[in-house]
């Protein structure tokens, strides 16, 4: 190898390529929610408005696609924290809307996690990534709502997230279980006593 190529860095991806990948990930997430992670690639391609070859070019294996969707959804959920704090009338409203998004993610995540269980080390890495990105967001939302006197101050973000997670287990396999509704009752219980 010549010295000429040794110092090169990878060129940043074009904006349209990043947008196309985001469109694929959004479509895959929606299809996974509706049909599970074993949904045919052609369904994902149809939802994204592309051919199946485009999906395989971006994600050569189903595991690659599942991991990318998982990471994409974690990032969307993390970004939603600040967006909701800025847009909602109260910190409690922001927390409630963020929890709704978190529930939607968790219902999909359980199916994604089950598909990834065969690679325990990879799954643990993704789970650590999930915690590293989302616990601080939930902590910030909880602190803001507690500082405003809208929720109890004696619950930690990880406790809230685990409680919500436990209420979501099995929701992806049951059409008569509304995880958002049950979690809504749980989150209402966070209200500070007046």
N, C-alpha and C. Protein backbone atom coordinates (compact mmCIF):
# COMPACT_ATOMS: atom_id res chain seq x y z
N UNK A 1 0.85 -1.18 0.00
CA UNK A 1 0.00 0.00 0.00
C UNK A 1 0.89 1.23 0.00
N UNK A 2 0.58 2.18 -0.83
CA UNK A 2 1.38 3.40 -0.90
C UNK A 2 0.99 4.34 0.21
N UNK A 3 1.93 5.25 0.52
CA UNK A 3 1.65 6.25 1.55
C UNK A 3 0.53 7.19 1.12
N UNK A 4 0.34 7.32 -0.18
CA UNK A 4 -0.68 8.23 -0.70
C UNK A 4 -2.08 7.87 -0.20
N UNK A 5 -2.41 6.58 -0.13
CA UNK A 5 -3.74 6.15 0.30
C UNK A 5 -3.86 5.96 1.80
N UNK A 6 -2.74 5.94 2.51
CA UNK A 6 -2.77 5.63 3.94
C UNK A 6 -3.47 6.68 4.77
N UNK A 7 -3.37 7.95 4.39
CA UNK A 7 -3.95 9.01 5.21
C UNK A 7 -5.36 9.39 4.82
N UNK A 8 -5.91 8.74 3.83
CA UNK A 8 -7.26 9.10 3.37
C UNK A 8 -8.31 8.73 4.40
N UNK A 9 -9.31 9.57 4.51
CA UNK A 9 -10.45 9.25 5.36
C UNK A 9 -11.65 9.02 4.46
N UNK A 10 -12.59 8.29 4.97
CA UNK A 10 -13.81 8.03 4.20
C UNK A 10 -14.56 9.34 3.97
N UNK A 11 -15.04 9.48 2.74
CA UNK A 11 -15.82 10.68 2.44
C UNK A 11 -17.16 10.61 3.14
N UNK A 12 -17.66 11.76 3.61
CA UNK A 12 -18.98 11.75 4.23
C UNK A 12 -20.04 11.37 3.18
N UNK A 13 -21.05 10.70 3.64
CA UNK A 13 -22.13 10.29 2.74
C UNK A 13 -22.94 11.50 2.32
N UNK A 14 -23.41 11.46 1.11
CA UNK A 14 -24.23 12.55 0.59
C UNK A 14 -25.53 12.64 1.39
N UNK A 15 -26.08 13.86 1.43
CA UNK A 15 -27.32 14.10 2.17
C UNK A 15 -28.46 13.24 1.62
N UNK A 16 -28.54 13.09 0.29
CA UNK A 16 -29.63 12.29 -0.27
C UNK A 16 -29.47 10.82 0.08
N UNK A 17 -28.24 10.33 0.18
CA UNK A 17 -28.02 8.93 0.58
C UNK A 17 -28.44 8.73 2.03
N UNK A 18 -28.13 9.70 2.90
CA UNK A 18 -28.55 9.61 4.31
C UNK A 18 -30.07 9.65 4.41
N UNK A 19 -30.71 10.52 3.62
CA UNK A 19 -32.18 10.61 3.64
C UNK A 19 -32.80 9.29 3.16
N UNK A 20 -32.23 8.72 2.10
CA UNK A 20 -32.75 7.45 1.58
C UNK A 20 -32.65 6.35 2.63
N UNK A 21 -31.53 6.31 3.33
CA UNK A 21 -31.37 5.31 4.37
C UNK A 21 -32.38 5.55 5.49
N UNK A 22 -32.60 6.80 5.87
CA UNK A 22 -33.58 7.12 6.91
C UNK A 22 -34.98 6.68 6.48
N UNK A 23 -35.30 6.90 5.20
CA UNK A 23 -36.61 6.47 4.67
C UNK A 23 -36.74 4.96 4.76
N UNK A 24 -35.68 4.23 4.42
CA UNK A 24 -35.71 2.77 4.52
C UNK A 24 -35.90 2.33 5.96
N UNK A 25 -35.20 2.99 6.89
CA UNK A 25 -35.30 2.60 8.30
C UNK A 25 -36.69 2.91 8.85
N UNK A 26 -37.25 4.04 8.48
CA UNK A 26 -38.61 4.38 8.92
C UNK A 26 -39.61 3.36 8.38
N UNK A 27 -39.47 3.01 7.11
CA UNK A 27 -40.38 2.03 6.50
C UNK A 27 -40.21 0.67 7.16
N UNK A 28 -38.97 0.26 7.40
CA UNK A 28 -38.73 -1.04 8.04
C UNK A 28 -39.33 -1.06 9.44
N UNK A 29 -39.15 0.02 10.19
CA UNK A 29 -39.72 0.07 11.54
C UNK A 29 -41.23 -0.06 11.50
N UNK A 30 -41.88 0.65 10.56
CA UNK A 30 -43.35 0.59 10.46
C UNK A 30 -43.80 -0.82 10.08
N UNK A 31 -43.10 -1.44 9.16
CA UNK A 31 -43.46 -2.81 8.76
C UNK A 31 -43.22 -3.77 9.91
N UNK A 32 -42.12 -3.60 10.65
CA UNK A 32 -41.85 -4.47 11.79
C UNK A 32 -42.94 -4.34 12.84
N UNK A 33 -43.42 -3.11 13.07
CA UNK A 33 -44.50 -2.92 14.05
C UNK A 33 -45.76 -3.63 13.58
N UNK A 34 -46.08 -3.50 12.30
CA UNK A 34 -47.32 -4.08 11.77
C UNK A 34 -47.25 -5.59 11.59
N UNK A 35 -46.08 -6.08 11.15
CA UNK A 35 -46.01 -7.48 10.74
C UNK A 35 -44.93 -8.31 11.43
N UNK A 36 -44.15 -7.70 12.30
CA UNK A 36 -43.07 -8.41 12.96
C UNK A 36 -41.77 -8.35 12.18
N UNK A 37 -40.68 -8.72 12.84
CA UNK A 37 -39.36 -8.61 12.22
C UNK A 37 -39.11 -9.65 11.13
N UNK A 38 -39.99 -10.61 11.01
CA UNK A 38 -39.84 -11.60 9.94
C UNK A 38 -40.61 -11.20 8.68
N UNK A 39 -41.12 -9.98 8.64
CA UNK A 39 -41.86 -9.51 7.47
C UNK A 39 -40.96 -9.60 6.23
N UNK A 40 -41.56 -9.92 5.09
CA UNK A 40 -40.76 -10.03 3.86
C UNK A 40 -40.10 -8.70 3.49
N UNK A 41 -38.90 -8.78 2.96
CA UNK A 41 -38.16 -7.59 2.53
C UNK A 41 -38.95 -6.84 1.47
N UNK A 42 -39.69 -7.56 0.63
CA UNK A 42 -40.47 -6.88 -0.41
C UNK A 42 -41.52 -5.95 0.20
N UNK A 43 -42.05 -6.30 1.40
CA UNK A 43 -43.01 -5.41 2.07
C UNK A 43 -42.33 -4.12 2.53
N UNK A 44 -41.11 -4.25 3.02
CA UNK A 44 -40.35 -3.08 3.46
C UNK A 44 -40.02 -2.22 2.25
N UNK A 45 -39.60 -2.86 1.16
CA UNK A 45 -39.26 -2.14 -0.06
C UNK A 45 -40.48 -1.38 -0.58
N UNK A 46 -41.64 -2.04 -0.57
CA UNK A 46 -42.86 -1.38 -1.04
C UNK A 46 -43.20 -0.17 -0.17
N UNK A 47 -43.07 -0.33 1.15
CA UNK A 47 -43.37 0.78 2.06
C UNK A 47 -42.41 1.95 1.87
N UNK A 48 -41.17 1.64 1.49
CA UNK A 48 -40.17 2.69 1.28
C UNK A 48 -40.20 3.24 -0.14
N UNK A 49 -40.92 2.56 -1.04
CA UNK A 49 -40.98 3.01 -2.43
C UNK A 49 -39.69 2.73 -3.20
N UNK A 50 -39.02 1.62 -2.85
CA UNK A 50 -37.78 1.24 -3.53
C UNK A 50 -37.84 -0.23 -3.90
N UNK A 51 -36.87 -0.67 -4.65
CA UNK A 51 -36.75 -2.09 -4.97
C UNK A 51 -36.04 -2.83 -3.85
N UNK A 52 -36.20 -4.15 -3.82
CA UNK A 52 -35.55 -4.94 -2.78
C UNK A 52 -34.03 -4.86 -2.88
N UNK A 53 -33.50 -4.69 -4.09
CA UNK A 53 -32.05 -4.58 -4.26
C UNK A 53 -31.50 -3.38 -3.50
N UNK A 54 -32.26 -2.31 -3.43
CA UNK A 54 -31.83 -1.12 -2.70
C UNK A 54 -31.68 -1.44 -1.21
N UNK A 55 -32.61 -2.20 -0.67
CA UNK A 55 -32.52 -2.57 0.75
C UNK A 55 -31.29 -3.43 0.97
N UNK A 56 -31.06 -4.42 0.10
CA UNK A 56 -29.90 -5.30 0.27
C UNK A 56 -28.59 -4.54 0.06
N UNK A 57 -28.60 -3.50 -0.74
CA UNK A 57 -27.39 -2.70 -0.94
C UNK A 57 -27.03 -1.96 0.36
N UNK A 58 -28.04 -1.47 1.05
CA UNK A 58 -27.81 -0.77 2.32
C UNK A 58 -27.61 -1.74 3.49
N UNK A 59 -28.37 -2.84 3.48
CA UNK A 59 -28.37 -3.79 4.60
C UNK A 59 -28.29 -5.21 4.03
N UNK A 60 -27.07 -5.74 3.88
CA UNK A 60 -26.90 -7.05 3.22
C UNK A 60 -27.61 -8.21 3.90
N UNK A 61 -27.81 -8.14 5.22
CA UNK A 61 -28.49 -9.22 5.92
C UNK A 61 -29.66 -8.67 6.73
N UNK A 62 -30.57 -9.55 7.09
CA UNK A 62 -31.71 -9.13 7.93
C UNK A 62 -31.20 -8.61 9.27
N UNK A 63 -30.17 -9.25 9.82
CA UNK A 63 -29.61 -8.79 11.09
C UNK A 63 -29.08 -7.36 10.96
N UNK A 64 -28.43 -7.05 9.83
CA UNK A 64 -27.95 -5.68 9.61
C UNK A 64 -29.12 -4.69 9.64
N UNK A 65 -30.21 -5.07 9.00
CA UNK A 65 -31.38 -4.20 8.95
C UNK A 65 -32.00 -4.04 10.34
N UNK A 66 -32.13 -5.13 11.06
CA UNK A 66 -32.73 -5.09 12.40
C UNK A 66 -31.89 -4.20 13.33
N UNK A 67 -30.58 -4.38 13.29
CA UNK A 67 -29.70 -3.56 14.14
C UNK A 67 -29.82 -2.09 13.76
N UNK A 68 -29.85 -1.81 12.46
CA UNK A 68 -29.96 -0.42 12.01
C UNK A 68 -31.30 0.20 12.44
N UNK A 69 -32.38 -0.57 12.35
CA UNK A 69 -33.69 -0.07 12.79
C UNK A 69 -33.67 0.20 14.29
N UNK A 70 -33.09 -0.70 15.04
CA UNK A 70 -32.99 -0.56 16.50
C UNK A 70 -32.27 0.74 16.84
N UNK A 71 -31.10 0.95 16.24
CA UNK A 71 -30.31 2.16 16.51
C UNK A 71 -31.05 3.41 16.05
N UNK A 72 -31.68 3.33 14.91
CA UNK A 72 -32.45 4.45 14.37
C UNK A 72 -33.57 4.85 15.33
N UNK A 73 -34.26 3.86 15.86
CA UNK A 73 -35.35 4.15 16.78
C UNK A 73 -34.84 4.69 18.11
N UNK A 74 -33.72 4.20 18.59
CA UNK A 74 -33.13 4.75 19.81
C UNK A 74 -32.81 6.23 19.60
N UNK A 75 -32.19 6.54 18.48
CA UNK A 75 -31.82 7.93 18.20
C UNK A 75 -33.05 8.83 18.07
N UNK A 76 -34.09 8.33 17.43
CA UNK A 76 -35.33 9.12 17.30
C UNK A 76 -35.95 9.38 18.66
N UNK A 77 -35.95 8.36 19.51
CA UNK A 77 -36.52 8.50 20.86
C UNK A 77 -35.67 9.47 21.69
N UNK A 78 -34.37 9.39 21.55
CA UNK A 78 -33.49 10.30 22.29
C UNK A 78 -33.70 11.74 21.83
N UNK A 79 -33.79 11.97 20.54
CA UNK A 79 -33.99 13.32 20.00
C UNK A 79 -35.34 13.89 20.40
N UNK A 80 -36.32 13.04 20.58
CA UNK A 80 -37.66 13.51 20.92
C UNK A 80 -37.72 14.20 22.28
N UNK A 81 -36.82 13.87 23.19
CA UNK A 81 -36.84 14.48 24.52
C UNK A 81 -36.76 16.00 24.46
N UNK A 82 -35.73 16.51 23.80
CA UNK A 82 -35.55 17.96 23.67
C UNK A 82 -36.67 18.60 22.86
N UNK A 83 -37.07 17.93 21.78
CA UNK A 83 -38.14 18.46 20.94
C UNK A 83 -39.42 18.64 21.74
N UNK A 84 -39.76 17.64 22.55
CA UNK A 84 -40.99 17.70 23.33
C UNK A 84 -40.89 18.73 24.45
N UNK A 85 -39.71 18.85 25.07
CA UNK A 85 -39.55 19.88 26.12
C UNK A 85 -39.79 21.27 25.54
N UNK A 86 -39.37 21.48 24.31
CA UNK A 86 -39.55 22.79 23.67
C UNK A 86 -40.98 23.01 23.19
N UNK A 87 -41.67 21.94 22.80
CA UNK A 87 -42.97 22.08 22.17
C UNK A 87 -44.17 21.94 23.11
N UNK A 88 -44.02 21.23 24.20
CA UNK A 88 -45.16 20.94 25.07
C UNK A 88 -45.39 22.06 26.08
N UNK A 89 -46.65 22.23 26.50
CA UNK A 89 -46.96 23.32 27.44
C UNK A 89 -46.37 23.11 28.84
N UNK A 90 -46.19 21.86 29.25
CA UNK A 90 -45.63 21.60 30.59
C UNK A 90 -44.62 20.46 30.51
N UNK A 91 -43.72 20.39 31.48
CA UNK A 91 -42.79 19.26 31.52
C UNK A 91 -43.51 17.92 31.65
N UNK A 92 -44.63 17.89 32.39
CA UNK A 92 -45.38 16.65 32.53
C UNK A 92 -45.94 16.20 31.17
N UNK A 93 -46.43 17.15 30.39
CA UNK A 93 -46.92 16.81 29.05
C UNK A 93 -45.78 16.26 28.18
N UNK A 94 -44.61 16.88 28.29
CA UNK A 94 -43.45 16.40 27.52
C UNK A 94 -43.08 14.98 27.96
N UNK A 95 -43.07 14.75 29.26
CA UNK A 95 -42.76 13.42 29.78
C UNK A 95 -43.78 12.40 29.27
N UNK A 96 -45.06 12.73 29.35
CA UNK A 96 -46.11 11.82 28.90
C UNK A 96 -46.00 11.49 27.42
N UNK A 97 -45.75 12.51 26.60
CA UNK A 97 -45.62 12.26 25.16
C UNK A 97 -44.35 11.47 24.84
N UNK A 98 -43.28 11.74 25.60
CA UNK A 98 -42.05 10.97 25.38
C UNK A 98 -42.27 9.51 25.76
N UNK A 99 -42.97 9.29 26.86
CA UNK A 99 -43.26 7.90 27.29
C UNK A 99 -44.09 7.20 26.22
N UNK A 100 -45.04 7.90 25.59
CA UNK A 100 -45.81 7.28 24.49
C UNK A 100 -44.88 6.83 23.37
N UNK A 101 -43.93 7.66 23.01
CA UNK A 101 -42.97 7.29 21.96
C UNK A 101 -42.09 6.13 22.42
N UNK A 102 -41.72 6.17 23.68
CA UNK A 102 -40.90 5.10 24.25
C UNK A 102 -41.67 3.78 24.20
N UNK A 103 -42.96 3.82 24.52
CA UNK A 103 -43.80 2.61 24.45
C UNK A 103 -43.82 2.08 23.02
N UNK A 104 -44.05 2.96 22.05
CA UNK A 104 -44.06 2.52 20.65
C UNK A 104 -42.74 1.85 20.29
N UNK A 105 -41.65 2.45 20.73
CA UNK A 105 -40.34 1.87 20.48
C UNK A 105 -40.20 0.51 21.16
N UNK A 106 -40.61 0.42 22.41
CA UNK A 106 -40.45 -0.83 23.15
C UNK A 106 -41.24 -1.97 22.53
N UNK A 107 -42.43 -1.69 22.06
CA UNK A 107 -43.23 -2.75 21.44
C UNK A 107 -42.49 -3.31 20.23
N UNK A 108 -41.86 -2.42 19.45
CA UNK A 108 -41.05 -2.88 18.32
C UNK A 108 -39.77 -3.53 18.82
N UNK A 109 -39.15 -2.95 19.83
CA UNK A 109 -37.86 -3.42 20.35
C UNK A 109 -37.94 -4.86 20.83
N UNK A 110 -39.04 -5.23 21.47
CA UNK A 110 -39.12 -6.60 21.97
C UNK A 110 -39.00 -7.59 20.82
N UNK A 111 -39.64 -7.29 19.70
CA UNK A 111 -39.52 -8.16 18.53
C UNK A 111 -38.11 -8.13 17.96
N UNK A 112 -37.51 -6.94 17.93
CA UNK A 112 -36.14 -6.82 17.43
C UNK A 112 -35.19 -7.59 18.34
N UNK A 113 -35.36 -7.42 19.64
CA UNK A 113 -34.48 -8.08 20.60
C UNK A 113 -34.57 -9.60 20.47
N UNK A 114 -35.78 -10.10 20.31
CA UNK A 114 -35.95 -11.55 20.16
C UNK A 114 -35.22 -12.05 18.93
N UNK A 115 -35.24 -11.27 17.87
CA UNK A 115 -34.56 -11.67 16.64
C UNK A 115 -33.05 -11.64 16.79
N UNK A 116 -32.55 -10.82 17.71
CA UNK A 116 -31.10 -10.67 17.89
C UNK A 116 -30.53 -11.54 19.01
N UNK A 117 -31.36 -12.24 19.74
CA UNK A 117 -30.92 -13.00 20.92
C UNK A 117 -29.83 -14.02 20.59
N UNK A 118 -29.77 -14.52 19.37
CA UNK A 118 -28.77 -15.54 19.04
C UNK A 118 -27.35 -14.98 19.14
N UNK A 119 -27.20 -13.67 19.03
CA UNK A 119 -25.90 -13.02 19.17
C UNK A 119 -25.90 -12.27 20.50
N UNK A 120 -25.69 -13.01 21.59
CA UNK A 120 -25.82 -12.45 22.94
C UNK A 120 -24.88 -11.27 23.17
N UNK A 121 -23.64 -11.36 22.69
CA UNK A 121 -22.69 -10.26 22.88
C UNK A 121 -23.15 -9.02 22.13
N UNK A 122 -23.61 -9.21 20.90
CA UNK A 122 -24.13 -8.08 20.11
C UNK A 122 -25.37 -7.48 20.74
N UNK A 123 -26.23 -8.34 21.28
CA UNK A 123 -27.44 -7.85 21.94
C UNK A 123 -27.08 -7.02 23.17
N UNK A 124 -26.13 -7.49 23.96
CA UNK A 124 -25.71 -6.75 25.15
C UNK A 124 -25.14 -5.38 24.78
N UNK A 125 -24.39 -5.31 23.69
CA UNK A 125 -23.85 -4.04 23.22
C UNK A 125 -24.98 -3.09 22.85
N UNK A 126 -25.98 -3.59 22.13
CA UNK A 126 -27.12 -2.76 21.75
C UNK A 126 -27.92 -2.31 22.98
N UNK A 127 -28.07 -3.21 23.95
CA UNK A 127 -28.81 -2.85 25.15
C UNK A 127 -28.08 -1.75 25.93
N UNK A 128 -26.76 -1.85 26.00
CA UNK A 128 -25.97 -0.81 26.67
C UNK A 128 -26.12 0.52 25.94
N UNK A 129 -26.12 0.47 24.62
CA UNK A 129 -26.32 1.67 23.79
C UNK A 129 -27.69 2.28 24.08
N UNK A 130 -28.72 1.44 24.15
CA UNK A 130 -30.09 1.85 24.47
C UNK A 130 -30.11 2.60 25.81
N UNK A 131 -29.50 2.02 26.83
CA UNK A 131 -29.48 2.65 28.15
C UNK A 131 -28.68 3.95 28.15
N UNK A 132 -27.51 3.93 27.51
CA UNK A 132 -26.66 5.13 27.47
C UNK A 132 -27.35 6.32 26.80
N UNK A 133 -28.16 6.05 25.79
CA UNK A 133 -28.83 7.13 25.05
C UNK A 133 -30.14 7.57 25.69
N UNK A 134 -30.90 6.63 26.27
CA UNK A 134 -32.26 6.97 26.70
C UNK A 134 -32.42 7.28 28.18
N UNK A 135 -31.62 6.69 29.05
CA UNK A 135 -31.75 6.99 30.48
C UNK A 135 -31.51 8.49 30.75
N UNK A 136 -30.49 9.11 30.16
CA UNK A 136 -30.30 10.55 30.40
C UNK A 136 -31.48 11.41 29.92
N UNK A 137 -32.10 11.01 28.81
CA UNK A 137 -33.25 11.77 28.29
C UNK A 137 -34.41 11.67 29.27
N UNK A 138 -34.71 10.46 29.71
CA UNK A 138 -35.79 10.26 30.67
C UNK A 138 -35.48 10.98 31.98
N UNK A 139 -34.23 10.95 32.41
CA UNK A 139 -33.82 11.65 33.64
C UNK A 139 -34.10 13.14 33.52
N UNK A 140 -33.75 13.72 32.40
CA UNK A 140 -33.97 15.16 32.19
C UNK A 140 -35.46 15.50 32.21
N UNK A 141 -36.27 14.68 31.56
CA UNK A 141 -37.72 14.92 31.54
C UNK A 141 -38.31 14.78 32.94
N UNK A 142 -37.91 13.74 33.66
CA UNK A 142 -38.41 13.55 35.02
C UNK A 142 -38.00 14.71 35.94
N UNK A 143 -36.76 15.13 35.84
CA UNK A 143 -36.28 16.23 36.69
C UNK A 143 -37.04 17.52 36.41
N UNK A 144 -37.29 17.79 35.14
CA UNK A 144 -38.02 19.00 34.79
C UNK A 144 -39.45 18.96 35.34
N UNK A 145 -40.10 17.81 35.22
CA UNK A 145 -41.47 17.67 35.72
C UNK A 145 -41.49 17.73 37.25
N UNK A 146 -40.48 17.16 37.91
CA UNK A 146 -40.41 17.22 39.38
C UNK A 146 -40.12 18.63 39.84
N UNK A 147 -39.23 19.33 39.14
CA UNK A 147 -38.90 20.72 39.51
C UNK A 147 -40.12 21.62 39.37
N UNK A 148 -41.02 21.29 38.44
CA UNK A 148 -42.24 22.06 38.26
C UNK A 148 -43.33 21.62 39.23
N UNK A 149 -43.03 20.62 40.07
CA UNK A 149 -44.01 20.14 41.04
C UNK A 149 -45.10 19.29 40.43
N UNK A 150 -44.85 18.74 39.24
CA UNK A 150 -45.88 18.00 38.53
C UNK A 150 -45.82 16.49 38.75
N UNK A 151 -44.64 15.99 39.14
CA UNK A 151 -44.51 14.55 39.41
C UNK A 151 -43.72 14.35 40.69
N UNK A 152 -43.84 13.17 41.23
CA UNK A 152 -43.07 12.80 42.42
C UNK A 152 -41.58 12.90 42.08
N UNK A 153 -40.79 13.16 43.08
CA UNK A 153 -39.34 13.28 42.86
C UNK A 153 -38.57 12.05 43.34
N UNK A 154 -39.29 11.03 43.79
CA UNK A 154 -38.61 9.87 44.37
C UNK A 154 -38.51 8.67 43.44
N UNK A 155 -38.65 8.88 42.14
CA UNK A 155 -38.50 7.78 41.19
C UNK A 155 -37.37 8.12 40.22
N UNK A 156 -36.52 7.15 39.98
CA UNK A 156 -35.40 7.33 39.05
C UNK A 156 -35.85 6.95 37.64
N UNK A 157 -35.18 7.52 36.67
CA UNK A 157 -35.51 7.25 35.27
C UNK A 157 -35.44 5.76 34.96
N UNK A 158 -34.42 5.09 35.44
CA UNK A 158 -34.27 3.67 35.14
C UNK A 158 -35.44 2.87 35.73
N UNK A 159 -35.95 3.28 36.89
CA UNK A 159 -37.11 2.60 37.49
C UNK A 159 -38.35 2.82 36.62
N UNK A 160 -38.54 4.06 36.18
CA UNK A 160 -39.68 4.36 35.32
C UNK A 160 -39.59 3.58 34.02
N UNK A 161 -38.41 3.58 33.41
CA UNK A 161 -38.24 2.90 32.13
C UNK A 161 -38.43 1.39 32.27
N UNK A 162 -37.94 0.81 33.35
CA UNK A 162 -38.14 -0.64 33.56
C UNK A 162 -39.62 -0.96 33.79
N UNK A 163 -40.29 -0.11 34.57
CA UNK A 163 -41.72 -0.32 34.79
C UNK A 163 -42.50 -0.26 33.50
N UNK A 164 -42.20 0.75 32.67
CA UNK A 164 -42.86 0.88 31.38
C UNK A 164 -42.53 -0.34 30.51
N UNK A 165 -41.25 -0.73 30.52
CA UNK A 165 -40.84 -1.89 29.73
C UNK A 165 -41.58 -3.15 30.12
N UNK A 166 -41.75 -3.36 31.41
CA UNK A 166 -42.47 -4.55 31.87
C UNK A 166 -43.93 -4.52 31.44
N UNK A 167 -44.52 -3.33 31.39
CA UNK A 167 -45.92 -3.22 30.96
C UNK A 167 -46.08 -3.44 29.45
N UNK A 168 -44.98 -3.35 28.71
CA UNK A 168 -45.03 -3.52 27.25
C UNK A 168 -44.77 -4.95 26.80
N UNK A 169 -44.26 -5.78 27.70
CA UNK A 169 -43.92 -7.15 27.31
C UNK A 169 -45.17 -7.87 26.80
N UNK A 170 -45.02 -8.47 25.65
CA UNK A 170 -46.11 -9.24 25.06
C UNK A 170 -47.09 -8.42 24.23
N UNK A 171 -46.98 -7.10 24.27
CA UNK A 171 -47.94 -6.26 23.54
C UNK A 171 -47.85 -6.47 22.04
N UNK A 172 -46.65 -6.82 21.54
CA UNK A 172 -46.50 -7.01 20.09
C UNK A 172 -47.21 -8.26 19.60
N UNK A 173 -47.57 -9.15 20.52
CA UNK A 173 -48.24 -10.39 20.13
C UNK A 173 -49.73 -10.41 20.46
N UNK A 174 -50.25 -9.31 20.98
CA UNK A 174 -51.64 -9.31 21.42
C UNK A 174 -52.37 -8.08 20.90
N UNK A 175 -53.41 -8.32 20.14
CA UNK A 175 -54.18 -7.20 19.59
C UNK A 175 -55.15 -6.61 20.62
N UNK A 176 -55.41 -7.33 21.70
CA UNK A 176 -56.36 -6.83 22.69
C UNK A 176 -55.68 -6.21 23.91
N UNK A 177 -54.39 -5.96 23.81
CA UNK A 177 -53.66 -5.32 24.90
C UNK A 177 -53.10 -3.99 24.40
N UNK A 178 -53.55 -2.90 25.00
CA UNK A 178 -53.12 -1.57 24.61
C UNK A 178 -52.06 -1.09 25.60
N UNK A 179 -50.80 -1.30 25.25
CA UNK A 179 -49.69 -0.95 26.14
C UNK A 179 -49.70 0.53 26.49
N UNK A 180 -50.01 1.38 25.51
CA UNK A 180 -50.04 2.82 25.77
C UNK A 180 -51.07 3.17 26.86
N UNK A 181 -52.22 2.54 26.79
CA UNK A 181 -53.29 2.81 27.76
C UNK A 181 -52.85 2.41 29.17
N UNK A 182 -52.29 1.21 29.29
CA UNK A 182 -51.86 0.72 30.60
C UNK A 182 -50.71 1.57 31.14
N UNK A 183 -49.76 1.91 30.28
CA UNK A 183 -48.65 2.76 30.69
C UNK A 183 -49.16 4.15 31.08
N UNK A 184 -50.19 4.64 30.40
CA UNK A 184 -50.79 5.92 30.76
C UNK A 184 -51.29 5.95 32.19
N UNK A 185 -51.89 4.85 32.62
CA UNK A 185 -52.35 4.74 34.01
C UNK A 185 -51.15 4.77 34.95
N UNK A 186 -50.10 4.06 34.58
CA UNK A 186 -48.87 4.02 35.38
C UNK A 186 -48.25 5.41 35.49
N UNK A 187 -48.14 6.12 34.39
CA UNK A 187 -47.53 7.46 34.38
C UNK A 187 -48.41 8.45 35.15
N UNK A 188 -49.71 8.30 35.09
CA UNK A 188 -50.61 9.18 35.87
C UNK A 188 -50.32 9.03 37.36
N UNK A 189 -49.88 7.84 37.75
CA UNK A 189 -49.54 7.61 39.15
C UNK A 189 -48.28 8.35 39.61
N UNK A 190 -47.55 8.93 38.69
CA UNK A 190 -46.36 9.73 39.03
C UNK A 190 -46.73 11.12 39.50
N UNK A 191 -47.96 11.53 39.23
CA UNK A 191 -48.38 12.89 39.58
C UNK A 191 -48.09 13.19 41.03
N UNK A 192 -47.57 14.37 41.28
CA UNK A 192 -47.30 14.83 42.64
C UNK A 192 -48.61 15.07 43.35
N UNK A 193 -48.65 14.75 44.62
CA UNK A 193 -49.87 15.00 45.42
C UNK A 193 -50.09 16.50 45.53
N UNK A 194 -51.36 16.91 45.37
CA UNK A 194 -51.62 18.35 45.46
C UNK A 194 -52.07 18.74 46.85
